[in-house]
Protein backbone atom coordinates (compact mmCIF):
# COMPACT_ATOMS: atom_id res chain seq x y z
CA UNK A 1 0.00 0.00 0.00
CA UNK A 2 2.04 2.90 -1.29
CA UNK A 3 0.71 6.40 -0.56
CA UNK A 4 0.69 8.78 -3.50
CA UNK A 5 -1.05 11.76 -1.86
CA UNK A 6 -2.01 12.49 1.75
CA UNK A 7 -4.93 14.80 2.54
CA UNK A 8 -5.70 16.15 6.00
CA UNK A 9 -9.32 17.19 6.57
CA UNK A 10 -10.52 19.53 9.32
CA UNK A 11 -13.79 21.23 10.19
CA UNK A 12 -15.47 23.29 12.87
CA UNK A 13 -12.47 24.83 14.62
CA UNK A 14 -14.64 27.72 15.90
CA UNK A 15 -11.72 30.01 16.76
CA UNK A 16 -9.23 27.39 17.94
CA UNK A 17 -6.58 26.37 15.43
CA UNK A 18 -3.92 25.19 17.91
CA UNK A 19 -4.75 21.52 17.42
CA UNK A 20 -4.86 21.96 13.65
CA UNK A 21 -1.39 23.53 13.67
CA UNK A 22 -0.04 20.64 15.74
CA UNK A 23 -1.67 18.04 13.45
CA UNK A 24 -0.29 19.67 10.31
CA UNK A 25 3.14 19.86 11.93
CA UNK A 26 2.93 16.10 12.64
CA UNK A 27 2.13 15.35 8.97
CA UNK A 28 4.01 18.23 7.34
CA UNK A 29 6.51 15.96 5.58
CA UNK A 30 3.80 13.73 4.07
CA UNK A 31 0.67 15.89 3.58
CA UNK A 32 0.16 17.55 0.22
CA UNK A 33 -3.35 18.95 0.86
CA UNK A 34 -5.37 20.36 3.74
CA UNK A 35 -9.13 20.61 3.28
CA UNK A 36 -11.21 22.69 5.68
CA UNK A 37 -14.98 22.15 5.82
CA UNK A 38 -15.99 25.47 7.39
CA UNK A 39 -16.80 27.15 10.70
CA UNK A 40 -13.42 28.67 11.40
CA UNK A 41 -12.56 30.40 8.13
CA UNK A 42 -10.42 33.08 9.80
CA UNK A 43 -8.18 30.44 11.37
CA UNK A 44 -8.08 28.50 8.12
CA UNK A 45 -6.86 31.53 6.20
CA UNK A 46 -4.03 32.00 8.74
CA UNK A 47 -2.86 28.40 8.25
CA UNK A 48 -2.07 29.04 4.60
CA UNK A 49 0.64 31.50 5.65
CA UNK A 50 2.07 29.21 8.32
CA UNK A 51 2.38 26.24 5.91
CA UNK A 52 3.01 27.73 2.44
CA UNK A 53 4.18 24.42 0.91
CA UNK A 54 0.82 22.66 1.39
CA UNK A 55 -2.18 23.18 -0.91
CA UNK A 56 -5.17 24.45 1.09
CA UNK A 57 -8.80 24.09 0.03
CA UNK A 58 -11.51 25.54 2.24
CA UNK A 59 -15.17 26.47 2.32
CA UNK A 60 -17.27 28.62 4.59
CA UNK A 61 -19.66 27.21 7.14
CA UNK A 62 -22.86 28.54 8.63
CA UNK A 63 -20.84 30.50 11.26
CA UNK A 64 -18.42 32.10 8.75
CA UNK A 65 -20.42 35.22 8.01
CA UNK A 66 -17.83 37.64 6.66
CA UNK A 67 -15.33 35.44 4.83
CA UNK A 68 -14.59 35.27 1.11
CA UNK A 69 -14.59 31.47 0.85
CA UNK A 70 -17.14 29.69 -1.35
CA UNK A 71 -19.87 27.38 -0.07
CA UNK A 72 -18.38 24.47 -2.00
CA UNK A 73 -15.11 23.50 -3.68
CA UNK A 74 -14.32 20.65 -6.06
CA UNK A 75 -10.91 19.20 -6.88
CA UNK A 76 -9.68 16.23 -8.89
CA UNK A 77 -6.63 14.74 -7.18
CA UNK A 78 -4.89 11.74 -8.71
CA UNK A 79 -8.00 11.09 -10.80
CA UNK A 80 -10.34 11.08 -7.78
CA UNK A 81 -13.00 13.79 -7.73
CA UNK A 82 -13.51 15.33 -4.29
CA UNK A 83 -16.13 17.84 -3.18
CA UNK A 84 -15.83 19.87 0.01
CA UNK A 85 -18.69 21.66 1.73
CA UNK A 86 -19.77 22.46 5.26
CA UNK A 87 -22.92 20.35 5.12
CA UNK A 88 -25.56 22.75 6.41
CA UNK A 89 -26.86 23.29 2.86
CA UNK A 90 -27.48 19.52 2.63
CA UNK A 91 -29.12 19.30 6.07
CA UNK A 92 -26.53 16.78 7.29
CA UNK A 93 -27.74 17.12 10.88
CA UNK A 94 -30.76 15.11 9.72
CA UNK A 95 -28.84 12.48 7.74
CA UNK A 96 -26.57 12.21 4.72
CA UNK A 97 -29.08 11.27 1.99
CA UNK A 98 -29.07 14.77 0.48
CA UNK A 99 -25.26 14.91 0.59
CA UNK A 100 -25.00 11.47 -1.01
CA UNK A 101 -27.36 12.53 -3.82
CA UNK A 102 -25.31 15.69 -4.40
CA UNK A 103 -22.06 13.71 -4.43
CA UNK A 104 -23.48 11.30 -7.02
CA UNK A 105 -24.93 14.15 -9.09
CA UNK A 106 -21.50 15.84 -9.14
CA UNK A 107 -19.97 12.45 -10.10
CA UNK A 108 -17.54 12.74 -7.20
CA UNK A 109 -16.03 9.80 -5.36
CA UNK A 110 -15.44 11.54 -2.03
CA UNK A 111 -17.33 14.27 -0.16
CA UNK A 112 -15.74 16.08 2.79
CA UNK A 113 -18.23 17.78 5.11
CA UNK A 114 -18.60 19.03 8.67
CA UNK A 115 -21.37 20.82 10.61
CA UNK A 116 -22.44 17.92 12.85
CA UNK A 117 -19.18 17.78 14.88
CA UNK A 118 -19.44 13.97 14.60
CA UNK A 119 -16.50 12.20 12.96
CA UNK A 120 -17.56 9.58 10.44
CA UNK A 121 -16.36 7.75 7.34
CA UNK A 122 -19.33 6.33 5.46
CA UNK A 123 -18.98 4.37 2.22
CA UNK A 124 -22.16 3.91 0.20
CA UNK A 125 -22.19 1.11 -2.33
CA UNK A 126 -22.67 1.69 -6.03
CA UNK A 127 -26.12 2.35 -7.43
CA UNK A 128 -27.03 1.27 -10.97
CA UNK A 129 -24.34 2.67 -13.30
CA UNK A 130 -22.55 4.71 -10.62
CA UNK A 131 -19.55 3.87 -8.46
CA UNK A 132 -19.42 3.74 -4.68
CA UNK A 133 -19.01 7.05 -2.84
CA UNK A 134 -17.45 7.89 0.50
CA UNK A 135 -18.71 10.66 2.78
CA UNK A 136 -16.10 11.86 5.27
CA UNK A 137 -16.83 14.08 8.25
CA UNK A 138 -13.62 14.83 10.18
CA UNK A 139 -15.58 15.85 13.27
CA UNK A 140 -14.81 19.04 15.19
CA UNK A 141 -11.24 20.35 15.30
CA UNK A 142 -11.88 22.02 18.64
CA UNK A 143 -13.33 21.07 21.97
CA UNK A 144 -13.29 17.88 23.95
CA UNK A 145 -12.23 14.83 21.90
CA UNK A 146 -11.37 16.92 18.82
CA UNK A 147 -10.75 14.90 15.65
CA UNK A 148 -9.66 15.20 12.03
CA UNK A 149 -9.45 12.90 9.01
CA UNK A 150 -6.44 11.53 7.18
CA UNK A 151 -7.14 10.42 3.61
CA UNK A 152 -4.40 8.58 1.75
CA UNK A 153 -4.74 8.32 -2.02
CA UNK A 154 -2.83 5.22 -3.04
CA UNK A 155 -0.72 4.39 -6.10
CA UNK A 156 -3.31 1.87 -7.34
CA UNK A 157 -6.06 4.55 -7.57
CA UNK A 158 -7.84 3.55 -4.35
CA UNK A 159 -7.87 5.42 -1.05
CA UNK A 160 -7.94 4.84 2.69
CA UNK A 161 -9.69 7.22 5.11
CA UNK A 162 -9.22 7.27 8.87
CA UNK A 163 -10.35 9.47 11.74
CA UNK A 164 -7.56 10.63 14.07
CA UNK A 165 -7.67 12.23 17.50
CA UNK A 166 -6.38 15.77 17.49
CA UNK A 167 -2.93 16.02 19.09
CA UNK A 168 -2.61 17.85 22.39
CA UNK A 169 -2.84 21.61 22.13
CA UNK A 170 0.22 23.83 21.79
C-alpha atoms as a PDB file:
ATOM      1  CA  UNK A   1       0.000   0.000   0.000  1.00  0.00           C
ATOM      2  CA  UNK A   2       2.040   2.905  -1.294  1.00  0.00           C
ATOM      3  CA  UNK A   3       0.706   6.395  -0.565  1.00  0.00           C
ATOM      4  CA  UNK A   4       0.691   8.778  -3.503  1.00  0.00           C
ATOM      5  CA  UNK A   5      -1.046  11.764  -1.856  1.00  0.00           C
ATOM      6  CA  UNK A   6      -2.013  12.489   1.752  1.00  0.00           C
ATOM      7  CA  UNK A   7      -4.929  14.802   2.539  1.00  0.00           C
ATOM      8  CA  UNK A   8      -5.697  16.153   5.999  1.00  0.00           C
ATOM      9  CA  UNK A   9      -9.319  17.187   6.567  1.00  0.00           C
ATOM     10  CA  UNK A  10     -10.516  19.535   9.316  1.00  0.00           C
ATOM     11  CA  UNK A  11     -13.787  21.227  10.187  1.00  0.00           C
ATOM     12  CA  UNK A  12     -15.471  23.291  12.867  1.00  0.00           C
ATOM     13  CA  UNK A  13     -12.467  24.830  14.620  1.00  0.00           C
ATOM     14  CA  UNK A  14     -14.635  27.716  15.895  1.00  0.00           C
ATOM     15  CA  UNK A  15     -11.722  30.006  16.758  1.00  0.00           C
ATOM     16  CA  UNK A  16      -9.234  27.387  17.941  1.00  0.00           C
ATOM     17  CA  UNK A  17      -6.583  26.366  15.430  1.00  0.00           C
ATOM     18  CA  UNK A  18      -3.919  25.192  17.910  1.00  0.00           C
ATOM     19  CA  UNK A  19      -4.749  21.518  17.423  1.00  0.00           C
ATOM     20  CA  UNK A  20      -4.857  21.962  13.653  1.00  0.00           C
ATOM     21  CA  UNK A  21      -1.391  23.531  13.675  1.00  0.00           C
ATOM     22  CA  UNK A  22      -0.043  20.645  15.740  1.00  0.00           C
ATOM     23  CA  UNK A  23      -1.674  18.040  13.453  1.00  0.00           C
ATOM     24  CA  UNK A  24      -0.292  19.671  10.305  1.00  0.00           C
ATOM     25  CA  UNK A  25       3.143  19.858  11.928  1.00  0.00           C
ATOM     26  CA  UNK A  26       2.934  16.102  12.637  1.00  0.00           C
ATOM     27  CA  UNK A  27       2.126  15.347   8.971  1.00  0.00           C
ATOM     28  CA  UNK A  28       4.007  18.229   7.336  1.00  0.00           C
ATOM     29  CA  UNK A  29       6.505  15.956   5.581  1.00  0.00           C
ATOM     30  CA  UNK A  30       3.803  13.729   4.070  1.00  0.00           C
ATOM     31  CA  UNK A  31       0.672  15.887   3.584  1.00  0.00           C
ATOM     32  CA  UNK A  32       0.156  17.553   0.215  1.00  0.00           C
ATOM     33  CA  UNK A  33      -3.351  18.946   0.857  1.00  0.00           C
ATOM     34  CA  UNK A  34      -5.368  20.363   3.736  1.00  0.00           C
ATOM     35  CA  UNK A  35      -9.133  20.609   3.281  1.00  0.00           C
ATOM     36  CA  UNK A  36     -11.210  22.693   5.684  1.00  0.00           C
ATOM     37  CA  UNK A  37     -14.981  22.150   5.820  1.00  0.00           C
ATOM     38  CA  UNK A  38     -15.992  25.468   7.391  1.00  0.00           C
ATOM     39  CA  UNK A  39     -16.800  27.151  10.700  1.00  0.00           C
ATOM     40  CA  UNK A  40     -13.420  28.667  11.399  1.00  0.00           C
ATOM     41  CA  UNK A  41     -12.564  30.402   8.130  1.00  0.00           C
ATOM     42  CA  UNK A  42     -10.422  33.079   9.804  1.00  0.00           C
ATOM     43  CA  UNK A  43      -8.179  30.439  11.373  1.00  0.00           C
ATOM     44  CA  UNK A  44      -8.081  28.497   8.119  1.00  0.00           C
ATOM     45  CA  UNK A  45      -6.861  31.530   6.198  1.00  0.00           C
ATOM     46  CA  UNK A  46      -4.026  32.001   8.742  1.00  0.00           C
ATOM     47  CA  UNK A  47      -2.863  28.402   8.245  1.00  0.00           C
ATOM     48  CA  UNK A  48      -2.068  29.037   4.602  1.00  0.00           C
ATOM     49  CA  UNK A  49       0.639  31.498   5.653  1.00  0.00           C
ATOM     50  CA  UNK A  50       2.075  29.206   8.324  1.00  0.00           C
ATOM     51  CA  UNK A  51       2.378  26.238   5.909  1.00  0.00           C
ATOM     52  CA  UNK A  52       3.009  27.727   2.436  1.00  0.00           C
ATOM     53  CA  UNK A  53       4.180  24.418   0.905  1.00  0.00           C
ATOM     54  CA  UNK A  54       0.821  22.664   1.387  1.00  0.00           C
ATOM     55  CA  UNK A  55      -2.178  23.177  -0.905  1.00  0.00           C
ATOM     56  CA  UNK A  56      -5.166  24.454   1.092  1.00  0.00           C
ATOM     57  CA  UNK A  57      -8.798  24.089   0.033  1.00  0.00           C
ATOM     58  CA  UNK A  58     -11.510  25.537   2.242  1.00  0.00           C
ATOM     59  CA  UNK A  59     -15.165  26.467   2.324  1.00  0.00           C
ATOM     60  CA  UNK A  60     -17.268  28.620   4.592  1.00  0.00           C
ATOM     61  CA  UNK A  61     -19.658  27.212   7.136  1.00  0.00           C
ATOM     62  CA  UNK A  62     -22.860  28.542   8.628  1.00  0.00           C
ATOM     63  CA  UNK A  63     -20.838  30.502  11.255  1.00  0.00           C
ATOM     64  CA  UNK A  64     -18.422  32.097   8.751  1.00  0.00           C
ATOM     65  CA  UNK A  65     -20.422  35.221   8.010  1.00  0.00           C
ATOM     66  CA  UNK A  66     -17.826  37.640   6.658  1.00  0.00           C
ATOM     67  CA  UNK A  67     -15.334  35.442   4.826  1.00  0.00           C
ATOM     68  CA  UNK A  68     -14.593  35.275   1.114  1.00  0.00           C
ATOM     69  CA  UNK A  69     -14.585  31.473   0.848  1.00  0.00           C
ATOM     70  CA  UNK A  70     -17.142  29.694  -1.349  1.00  0.00           C
ATOM     71  CA  UNK A  71     -19.871  27.384  -0.075  1.00  0.00           C
ATOM     72  CA  UNK A  72     -18.385  24.470  -1.999  1.00  0.00           C
ATOM     73  CA  UNK A  73     -15.107  23.503  -3.680  1.00  0.00           C
ATOM     74  CA  UNK A  74     -14.315  20.653  -6.064  1.00  0.00           C
ATOM     75  CA  UNK A  75     -10.914  19.198  -6.883  1.00  0.00           C
ATOM     76  CA  UNK A  76      -9.676  16.232  -8.887  1.00  0.00           C
ATOM     77  CA  UNK A  77      -6.631  14.744  -7.175  1.00  0.00           C
ATOM     78  CA  UNK A  78      -4.892  11.742  -8.711  1.00  0.00           C
ATOM     79  CA  UNK A  79      -7.996  11.095 -10.797  1.00  0.00           C
ATOM     80  CA  UNK A  80     -10.343  11.083  -7.778  1.00  0.00           C
ATOM     81  CA  UNK A  81     -13.002  13.791  -7.729  1.00  0.00           C
ATOM     82  CA  UNK A  82     -13.508  15.330  -4.286  1.00  0.00           C
ATOM     83  CA  UNK A  83     -16.128  17.840  -3.180  1.00  0.00           C
ATOM     84  CA  UNK A  84     -15.832  19.866   0.006  1.00  0.00           C
ATOM     85  CA  UNK A  85     -18.690  21.659   1.732  1.00  0.00           C
ATOM     86  CA  UNK A  86     -19.768  22.459   5.264  1.00  0.00           C
ATOM     87  CA  UNK A  87     -22.917  20.351   5.123  1.00  0.00           C
ATOM     88  CA  UNK A  88     -25.561  22.748   6.414  1.00  0.00           C
ATOM     89  CA  UNK A  89     -26.857  23.293   2.861  1.00  0.00           C
ATOM     90  CA  UNK A  90     -27.475  19.525   2.630  1.00  0.00           C
ATOM     91  CA  UNK A  91     -29.123  19.300   6.073  1.00  0.00           C
ATOM     92  CA  UNK A  92     -26.527  16.778   7.294  1.00  0.00           C
ATOM     93  CA  UNK A  93     -27.741  17.119  10.883  1.00  0.00           C
ATOM     94  CA  UNK A  94     -30.760  15.107   9.721  1.00  0.00           C
ATOM     95  CA  UNK A  95     -28.842  12.479   7.736  1.00  0.00           C
ATOM     96  CA  UNK A  96     -26.573  12.214   4.716  1.00  0.00           C
ATOM     97  CA  UNK A  97     -29.081  11.275   1.992  1.00  0.00           C
ATOM     98  CA  UNK A  98     -29.067  14.773   0.475  1.00  0.00           C
ATOM     99  CA  UNK A  99     -25.259  14.908   0.587  1.00  0.00           C
ATOM    100  CA  UNK A 100     -25.004  11.466  -1.012  1.00  0.00           C
ATOM    101  CA  UNK A 101     -27.364  12.533  -3.816  1.00  0.00           C
ATOM    102  CA  UNK A 102     -25.310  15.693  -4.399  1.00  0.00           C
ATOM    103  CA  UNK A 103     -22.063  13.712  -4.434  1.00  0.00           C
ATOM    104  CA  UNK A 104     -23.484  11.303  -7.018  1.00  0.00           C
ATOM    105  CA  UNK A 105     -24.929  14.154  -9.090  1.00  0.00           C
ATOM    106  CA  UNK A 106     -21.499  15.838  -9.140  1.00  0.00           C
ATOM    107  CA  UNK A 107     -19.971  12.451 -10.102  1.00  0.00           C
ATOM    108  CA  UNK A 108     -17.542  12.736  -7.202  1.00  0.00           C
ATOM    109  CA  UNK A 109     -16.027   9.798  -5.363  1.00  0.00           C
ATOM    110  CA  UNK A 110     -15.436  11.540  -2.027  1.00  0.00           C
ATOM    111  CA  UNK A 111     -17.327  14.270  -0.160  1.00  0.00           C
ATOM    112  CA  UNK A 112     -15.743  16.080   2.787  1.00  0.00           C
ATOM    113  CA  UNK A 113     -18.227  17.778   5.107  1.00  0.00           C
ATOM    114  CA  UNK A 114     -18.604  19.035   8.671  1.00  0.00           C
ATOM    115  CA  UNK A 115     -21.375  20.824  10.608  1.00  0.00           C
ATOM    116  CA  UNK A 116     -22.436  17.915  12.846  1.00  0.00           C
ATOM    117  CA  UNK A 117     -19.179  17.780  14.877  1.00  0.00           C
ATOM    118  CA  UNK A 118     -19.437  13.971  14.602  1.00  0.00           C
ATOM    119  CA  UNK A 119     -16.504  12.199  12.963  1.00  0.00           C
ATOM    120  CA  UNK A 120     -17.565   9.577  10.440  1.00  0.00           C
ATOM    121  CA  UNK A 121     -16.363   7.746   7.341  1.00  0.00           C
ATOM    122  CA  UNK A 122     -19.332   6.328   5.456  1.00  0.00           C
ATOM    123  CA  UNK A 123     -18.981   4.365   2.218  1.00  0.00           C
ATOM    124  CA  UNK A 124     -22.156   3.914   0.204  1.00  0.00           C
ATOM    125  CA  UNK A 125     -22.188   1.115  -2.333  1.00  0.00           C
ATOM    126  CA  UNK A 126     -22.670   1.694  -6.028  1.00  0.00           C
ATOM    127  CA  UNK A 127     -26.121   2.347  -7.433  1.00  0.00           C
ATOM    128  CA  UNK A 128     -27.025   1.273 -10.967  1.00  0.00           C
ATOM    129  CA  UNK A 129     -24.335   2.667 -13.302  1.00  0.00           C
ATOM    130  CA  UNK A 130     -22.547   4.709 -10.619  1.00  0.00           C
ATOM    131  CA  UNK A 131     -19.547   3.869  -8.461  1.00  0.00           C
ATOM    132  CA  UNK A 132     -19.420   3.741  -4.682  1.00  0.00           C
ATOM    133  CA  UNK A 133     -19.013   7.052  -2.841  1.00  0.00           C
ATOM    134  CA  UNK A 134     -17.446   7.895   0.498  1.00  0.00           C
ATOM    135  CA  UNK A 135     -18.709  10.657   2.782  1.00  0.00           C
ATOM    136  CA  UNK A 136     -16.103  11.856   5.273  1.00  0.00           C
ATOM    137  CA  UNK A 137     -16.831  14.081   8.246  1.00  0.00           C
ATOM    138  CA  UNK A 138     -13.624  14.832  10.178  1.00  0.00           C
ATOM    139  CA  UNK A 139     -15.584  15.849  13.273  1.00  0.00           C
ATOM    140  CA  UNK A 140     -14.811  19.038  15.186  1.00  0.00           C
ATOM    141  CA  UNK A 141     -11.241  20.349  15.296  1.00  0.00           C
ATOM    142  CA  UNK A 142     -11.879  22.019  18.638  1.00  0.00           C
ATOM    143  CA  UNK A 143     -13.329  21.071  21.967  1.00  0.00           C
ATOM    144  CA  UNK A 144     -13.290  17.876  23.952  1.00  0.00           C
ATOM    145  CA  UNK A 145     -12.231  14.827  21.903  1.00  0.00           C
ATOM    146  CA  UNK A 146     -11.374  16.915  18.819  1.00  0.00           C
ATOM    147  CA  UNK A 147     -10.753  14.901  15.648  1.00  0.00           C
ATOM    148  CA  UNK A 148      -9.661  15.199  12.028  1.00  0.00           C
ATOM    149  CA  UNK A 149      -9.452  12.905   9.008  1.00  0.00           C
ATOM    150  CA  UNK A 150      -6.440  11.532   7.177  1.00  0.00           C
ATOM    151  CA  UNK A 151      -7.144  10.420   3.610  1.00  0.00           C
ATOM    152  CA  UNK A 152      -4.399   8.584   1.746  1.00  0.00           C
ATOM    153  CA  UNK A 153      -4.743   8.319  -2.019  1.00  0.00           C
ATOM    154  CA  UNK A 154      -2.835   5.215  -3.043  1.00  0.00           C
ATOM    155  CA  UNK A 155      -0.716   4.392  -6.096  1.00  0.00           C
ATOM    156  CA  UNK A 156      -3.312   1.870  -7.336  1.00  0.00           C
ATOM    157  CA  UNK A 157      -6.062   4.546  -7.569  1.00  0.00           C
ATOM    158  CA  UNK A 158      -7.839   3.552  -4.352  1.00  0.00           C
ATOM    159  CA  UNK A 159      -7.865   5.422  -1.046  1.00  0.00           C
ATOM    160  CA  UNK A 160      -7.936   4.845   2.693  1.00  0.00           C
ATOM    161  CA  UNK A 161      -9.688   7.216   5.111  1.00  0.00           C
ATOM    162  CA  UNK A 162      -9.221   7.274   8.873  1.00  0.00           C
ATOM    163  CA  UNK A 163     -10.349   9.468  11.739  1.00  0.00           C
ATOM    164  CA  UNK A 164      -7.561  10.625  14.069  1.00  0.00           C
ATOM    165  CA  UNK A 165      -7.673  12.227  17.496  1.00  0.00           C
ATOM    166  CA  UNK A 166      -6.379  15.768  17.495  1.00  0.00           C
ATOM    167  CA  UNK A 167      -2.927  16.022  19.090  1.00  0.00           C
ATOM    168  CA  UNK A 168      -2.610  17.853  22.388  1.00  0.00           C
ATOM    169  CA  UNK A 169      -2.841  21.612  22.125  1.00  0.00           C
ATOM    170  CA  UNK A 170       0.221  23.826  21.787  1.00  0.00           C
END
